[in-house]
Protein backbone atom coordinates (compact mmCIF):
# COMPACT_ATOMS: atom_id res chain seq x y z
CA MET A 1 -69.18 -23.80 31.36
CA ASN A 2 -68.75 -20.57 29.37
CA GLU A 3 -70.66 -22.09 26.44
CA GLU A 4 -73.63 -22.88 28.72
CA VAL A 5 -73.64 -19.33 30.09
CA LEU A 6 -73.33 -17.91 26.57
CA ARG A 7 -76.16 -20.15 25.32
CA GLY A 8 -78.42 -18.88 28.11
CA LEU A 9 -77.53 -15.27 27.42
CA LEU A 10 -78.08 -15.65 23.67
CA ASP A 11 -81.45 -17.35 24.28
CA GLU A 12 -82.49 -14.50 26.57
CA LEU A 13 -81.27 -11.95 24.05
CA GLY A 14 -83.33 -13.64 21.33
CA GLU A 15 -86.45 -13.52 23.50
CA LEU A 16 -85.89 -9.83 24.25
CA GLU A 17 -85.40 -9.07 20.56
CA SER A 18 -88.72 -10.78 19.78
CA GLU A 19 -90.47 -8.69 22.42
CA ILE A 20 -88.80 -5.52 21.15
CA LYS A 21 -89.87 -6.33 17.58
CA ALA A 22 -93.51 -6.59 18.70
CA LEU A 23 -93.23 -3.32 20.63
CA GLU A 24 -91.63 -1.55 17.66
CA TYR A 25 -94.45 -2.78 15.41
CA ARG A 26 -97.04 -1.39 17.86
CA LYS A 27 -95.07 1.86 18.13
CA GLU A 28 -95.15 2.25 14.35
CA GLU A 29 -98.92 1.62 14.31
CA ILE A 30 -99.44 4.34 16.91
CA ARG A 31 -97.14 6.76 15.07
CA ASN A 32 -99.15 6.18 11.87
CA GLN A 33 -102.39 6.99 13.71
CA VAL A 34 -100.86 10.14 15.21
CA PHE A 35 -99.56 11.13 11.77
CA LYS A 36 -103.05 10.86 10.26
CA ILE A 37 -104.52 13.06 12.99
CA VAL A 38 -101.78 15.69 12.75
CA ASP A 39 -101.81 15.61 8.94
CA ALA A 40 -105.52 16.48 9.00
CA SER A 41 -104.89 19.57 11.14
CA PRO A 42 -104.66 22.94 9.35
CA ASN A 43 -101.10 23.75 10.43
CA LYS A 44 -99.84 20.14 10.46
CA SER A 45 -99.26 20.73 14.18
CA VAL A 46 -101.30 19.74 17.24
CA GLU A 47 -100.53 20.73 20.83
CA VAL A 48 -101.70 18.45 23.64
CA LEU A 49 -101.63 20.35 26.91
CA GLY A 50 -99.34 18.76 29.44
CA LEU A 51 -97.80 16.41 26.85
CA GLY A 52 -96.31 18.50 24.09
CA THR A 53 -96.73 19.14 20.39
CA ALA A 54 -96.94 16.70 17.49
CA LEU A 55 -96.04 18.18 14.13
CA ILE A 56 -95.16 17.09 10.64
CA THR A 57 -91.90 18.50 9.33
CA LYS A 58 -91.33 19.41 5.72
CA SER A 59 -89.53 16.98 3.47
CA SER A 60 -85.84 17.56 2.96
CA VAL A 61 -82.89 16.07 1.14
CA THR A 62 -79.71 14.81 2.74
CA VAL A 63 -76.57 15.06 0.64
CA LYS A 64 -73.87 12.44 1.00
CA PHE A 65 -70.69 11.88 -0.96
CA ASP A 66 -69.23 8.46 -1.72
CA SER A 67 -65.80 8.60 -0.06
CA ASP A 68 -64.24 6.06 -2.44
CA LYS A 69 -65.38 8.01 -5.49
CA LEU A 70 -64.24 11.25 -3.90
CA ASP A 71 -60.80 9.72 -3.24
CA SER A 72 -60.66 8.62 -6.89
CA LEU A 73 -61.56 12.15 -8.00
CA ILE A 74 -58.81 13.61 -5.81
CA ALA A 75 -56.28 11.17 -7.28
CA GLU A 76 -57.44 12.01 -10.81
CA LEU A 77 -57.14 15.74 -10.12
CA VAL A 78 -53.58 15.25 -8.83
CA ARG A 79 -52.68 13.20 -11.93
CA ASN A 80 -54.09 15.97 -14.14
CA GLY A 81 -52.08 18.64 -12.36
CA GLU A 82 -55.04 20.09 -10.45
CA VAL A 83 -53.16 19.80 -7.15
CA HIS A 84 -54.62 22.98 -5.65
CA THR A 85 -58.21 21.81 -6.27
CA ALA A 86 -57.42 18.30 -5.04
CA GLN A 87 -55.93 19.74 -1.85
CA LYS A 88 -58.99 21.94 -1.21
CA ILE A 89 -61.27 18.92 -1.53
CA SER A 90 -58.96 16.83 0.62
CA ASP A 91 -58.82 19.52 3.33
CA ILE A 92 -62.58 19.39 3.95
CA ARG A 93 -62.64 15.62 4.38
CA GLU A 94 -63.81 14.51 7.81
CA GLU A 95 -63.19 11.12 9.34
CA LYS A 96 -65.01 10.01 12.44
CA PRO A 97 -63.80 6.89 14.20
CA ARG A 98 -66.45 4.31 14.94
CA LYS A 99 -66.18 1.99 17.92
CA GLY A 100 -66.25 -1.72 17.27
CA SER A 101 -69.31 -3.59 18.45
CA LEU A 102 -70.54 -7.08 19.14
CA MET A 103 -72.06 -8.87 16.15
CA ILE A 104 -74.17 -11.96 16.61
CA ARG A 105 -74.98 -14.15 13.63
CA LYS A 106 -77.78 -16.61 14.26
CA ALA A 107 -77.31 -20.19 13.13
CA LYS A 108 -79.18 -21.14 9.97
CA TYR A 109 -81.36 -24.20 10.29
């Protein structure tokens, strides 16, 4: 009984994902058209009364550190007697728990 219910739910989920994929493709097409219009404006910003403002932000760079490599560096610093430096690096480490989630792997045919 549970397998039949699960099969139905997974089928429905698959159909929804197909519909979402088509909508996301259309959304991206529209965003590209909007981008072209805004990009052609002098200030890279266009206000549409009653709707809001579309603007193009400047490029930026996001910095990320590889936690495994950072842990190795801390261990190396400790081994080399750089305990104070290792501790300072270790003190700024942030860990954010992430909730588990459902994963569905589709059968391969």
